Amino acid sequence: MTTFEKIGHDFMTYSDNKWRAWAFKFPLILWRMGLGPVLGHLFSLITVTGRKSGEPRHFLTEYYRDGDQLYVACAYGEKAQWYKNLMADPRATVQT
């Protein structure tokens, strides 16, 4: 087992821990305050439609550019709510 797996495994698991949820949403709060440039050029704001509520849902995630293609990282994989929402309705708005 690598050091990353020992340290990162529990931290990156999908959890209902409110403090951890707030920590992961902090970059989105900065973005909404107009401080997106502080985060650098690694993040994109993606807006999807909630699969149950039908309301817009926003999340900030890392992206990687390979030529003309953008690739988005999904830390929780198929367990992520935004991923489930995107699979239910693939229309999305992306801001970089």
C-alpha atoms as a PDB file:
ATOM      1  CA  MET A   1       0.000   0.000   0.000  1.00  0.00           C
ATOM      2  CA  THR A   2       1.422   3.394  -0.965  1.00  0.00           C
ATOM      3  CA  THR A   3       1.546   6.424   1.317  1.00  0.00           C
ATOM      4  CA  PHE A   4      -1.148   8.091  -0.799  1.00  0.00           C
ATOM      5  CA  GLU A   5      -3.458   5.135  -0.307  1.00  0.00           C
ATOM      6  CA  LYS A   6      -2.863   5.179   3.460  1.00  0.00           C
ATOM      7  CA  ILE A   7      -3.420   8.929   3.833  1.00  0.00           C
ATOM      8  CA  GLY A   8      -5.854   9.674   1.030  1.00  0.00           C
ATOM      9  CA  HIS A   9      -8.170   6.692   1.090  1.00  0.00           C
ATOM     10  CA  ASP A  10     -10.295   7.661   4.095  1.00  0.00           C
ATOM     11  CA  PHE A  11     -10.200  11.355   3.246  1.00  0.00           C
ATOM     12  CA  MET A  12     -11.426  10.863  -0.325  1.00  0.00           C
ATOM     13  CA  THR A  13     -14.224   8.411   0.464  1.00  0.00           C
ATOM     14  CA  TYR A  14     -17.741   9.717  -0.048  1.00  0.00           C
ATOM     15  CA  SER A  15     -18.993  10.809   3.344  1.00  0.00           C
ATOM     16  CA  ASP A  16     -21.832  12.676   5.029  1.00  0.00           C
ATOM     17  CA  ASN A  17     -19.336  14.445   7.302  1.00  0.00           C
ATOM     18  CA  LYS A  18     -20.462  18.108   7.285  1.00  0.00           C
ATOM     19  CA  TRP A  19     -16.990  19.557   7.885  1.00  0.00           C
ATOM     20  CA  ARG A  20     -15.492  17.530   5.065  1.00  0.00           C
ATOM     21  CA  ALA A  21     -18.379  18.473   2.773  1.00  0.00           C
ATOM     22  CA  TRP A  22     -17.792  22.152   3.586  1.00  0.00           C
ATOM     23  CA  ALA A  23     -14.064  21.803   2.907  1.00  0.00           C
ATOM     24  CA  PHE A  24     -14.767  20.332  -0.519  1.00  0.00           C
ATOM     25  CA  LYS A  25     -17.304  23.104  -1.281  1.00  0.00           C
ATOM     26  CA  PHE A  26     -14.940  25.894  -0.207  1.00  0.00           C
ATOM     27  CA  PRO A  27     -13.479  26.363  -3.727  1.00  0.00           C
ATOM     28  CA  LEU A  28     -17.044  26.803  -5.050  1.00  0.00           C
ATOM     29  CA  ILE A  29     -17.662  29.468  -2.417  1.00  0.00           C
ATOM     30  CA  LEU A  30     -14.497  31.286  -3.546  1.00  0.00           C
ATOM     31  CA  TRP A  31     -15.637  31.009  -7.175  1.00  0.00           C
ATOM     32  CA  ARG A  32     -19.044  32.513  -6.344  1.00  0.00           C
ATOM     33  CA  MET A  33     -17.351  35.381  -4.516  1.00  0.00           C
ATOM     34  CA  GLY A  34     -15.555  36.268  -7.755  1.00  0.00           C
ATOM     35  CA  LEU A  35     -12.263  34.847  -6.556  1.00  0.00           C
ATOM     36  CA  GLY A  36     -11.988  32.186  -9.268  1.00  0.00           C
ATOM     37  CA  PRO A  37      -8.575  33.489 -10.437  1.00  0.00           C
ATOM     38  CA  VAL A  38      -7.214  32.678  -6.959  1.00  0.00           C
ATOM     39  CA  LEU A  39      -7.923  29.012  -7.693  1.00  0.00           C
ATOM     40  CA  GLY A  40      -5.876  29.083 -10.879  1.00  0.00           C
ATOM     41  CA  HIS A  41      -6.770  27.600 -14.238  1.00  0.00           C
ATOM     42  CA  LEU A  42      -7.307  24.050 -13.025  1.00  0.00           C
ATOM     43  CA  PHE A  43     -10.963  24.293 -12.069  1.00  0.00           C
ATOM     44  CA  SER A  44     -14.196  24.344 -14.014  1.00  0.00           C
ATOM     45  CA  LEU A  45     -17.668  25.169 -12.756  1.00  0.00           C
ATOM     46  CA  ILE A  46     -20.200  22.666 -14.045  1.00  0.00           C
ATOM     47  CA  THR A  47     -23.950  23.131 -13.740  1.00  0.00           C
ATOM     48  CA  VAL A  48     -26.221  20.107 -14.106  1.00  0.00           C
ATOM     49  CA  THR A  49     -29.906  19.482 -13.399  1.00  0.00           C
ATOM     50  CA  GLY A  50     -30.785  17.584 -10.221  1.00  0.00           C
ATOM     51  CA  ARG A  51     -32.218  14.207 -11.161  1.00  0.00           C
ATOM     52  CA  LYS A  52     -34.870  14.335  -8.413  1.00  0.00           C
ATOM     53  CA  SER A  53     -35.422  18.054  -7.805  1.00  0.00           C
ATOM     54  CA  GLY A  54     -35.032  19.338 -11.355  1.00  0.00           C
ATOM     55  CA  GLU A  55     -33.128  22.297  -9.848  1.00  0.00           C
ATOM     56  CA  PRO A  56     -29.738  23.463 -11.123  1.00  0.00           C
ATOM     57  CA  ARG A  57     -26.811  21.988  -9.205  1.00  0.00           C
ATOM     58  CA  HIS A  58     -23.322  23.493  -9.326  1.00  0.00           C
ATOM     59  CA  PHE A  59     -19.997  21.885  -8.594  1.00  0.00           C
ATOM     60  CA  LEU A  60     -16.395  22.809  -9.060  1.00  0.00           C
ATOM     61  CA  THR A  61     -13.948  20.200 -10.250  1.00  0.00           C
ATOM     62  CA  GLU A  62     -10.513  19.924 -11.748  1.00  0.00           C
ATOM     63  CA  TYR A  63     -10.128  19.629 -15.473  1.00  0.00           C
ATOM     64  CA  TYR A  64      -7.276  18.698 -17.736  1.00  0.00           C
ATOM     65  CA  ARG A  65      -6.758  19.824 -21.310  1.00  0.00           C
ATOM     66  CA  ASP A  66      -5.403  17.538 -24.022  1.00  0.00           C
ATOM     67  CA  GLY A  67      -5.396  19.484 -27.281  1.00  0.00           C
ATOM     68  CA  ASP A  68      -8.991  20.569 -27.914  1.00  0.00           C
ATOM     69  CA  GLN A  69     -10.412  18.066 -25.421  1.00  0.00           C
ATOM     70  CA  LEU A  70     -11.229  18.782 -21.760  1.00  0.00           C
ATOM     71  CA  TYR A  71     -11.245  15.955 -19.238  1.00  0.00           C
ATOM     72  CA  VAL A  72     -12.970  16.334 -15.873  1.00  0.00           C
ATOM     73  CA  ALA A  73     -11.828  14.523 -12.737  1.00  0.00           C
ATOM     74  CA  CYS A  74     -14.480  12.839 -10.601  1.00  0.00           C
ATOM     75  CA  ALA A  75     -12.991  12.067  -7.185  1.00  0.00           C
ATOM     76  CA  TYR A  76     -15.848   9.816  -6.024  1.00  0.00           C
ATOM     77  CA  GLY A  77     -16.438   8.120  -9.364  1.00  0.00           C
ATOM     78  CA  GLU A  78     -19.946   6.821  -9.932  1.00  0.00           C
ATOM     79  CA  LYS A  79     -20.914   7.589  -6.313  1.00  0.00           C
ATOM     80  CA  ALA A  80     -20.675  11.354  -6.858  1.00  0.00           C
ATOM     81  CA  GLN A  81     -24.071  13.041  -6.913  1.00  0.00           C
ATOM     82  CA  TRP A  82     -23.102  15.332  -9.782  1.00  0.00           C
ATOM     83  CA  TYR A  83     -22.099  12.294 -11.838  1.00  0.00           C
ATOM     84  CA  LYS A  84     -25.457  10.621 -11.156  1.00  0.00           C
ATOM     85  CA  ASN A  85     -27.246  13.852 -12.110  1.00  0.00           C
ATOM     86  CA  LEU A  86     -25.229  14.102 -15.321  1.00  0.00           C
ATOM     87  CA  MET A  87     -26.037  10.500 -16.242  1.00  0.00           C
ATOM     88  CA  ALA A  88     -29.763  11.185 -15.697  1.00  0.00           C
ATOM     89  CA  ASP A  89     -29.668  14.369 -17.825  1.00  0.00           C
ATOM     90  CA  PRO A  90     -26.467  14.809 -19.848  1.00  0.00           C
ATOM     91  CA  ARG A  91     -27.064  18.499 -20.593  1.00  0.00           C
ATOM     92  CA  ALA A  92     -24.606  20.647 -18.665  1.00  0.00           C
ATOM     93  CA  THR A  93     -23.029  24.089 -18.653  1.00  0.00           C
ATOM     94  CA  VAL A  94     -19.247  24.263 -18.212  1.00  0.00           C
ATOM     95  CA  GLN A  95     -17.302  27.405 -17.271  1.00  0.00           C
ATOM     96  CA  THR A  96     -13.511  27.427 -17.216  1.00  0.00           C
END
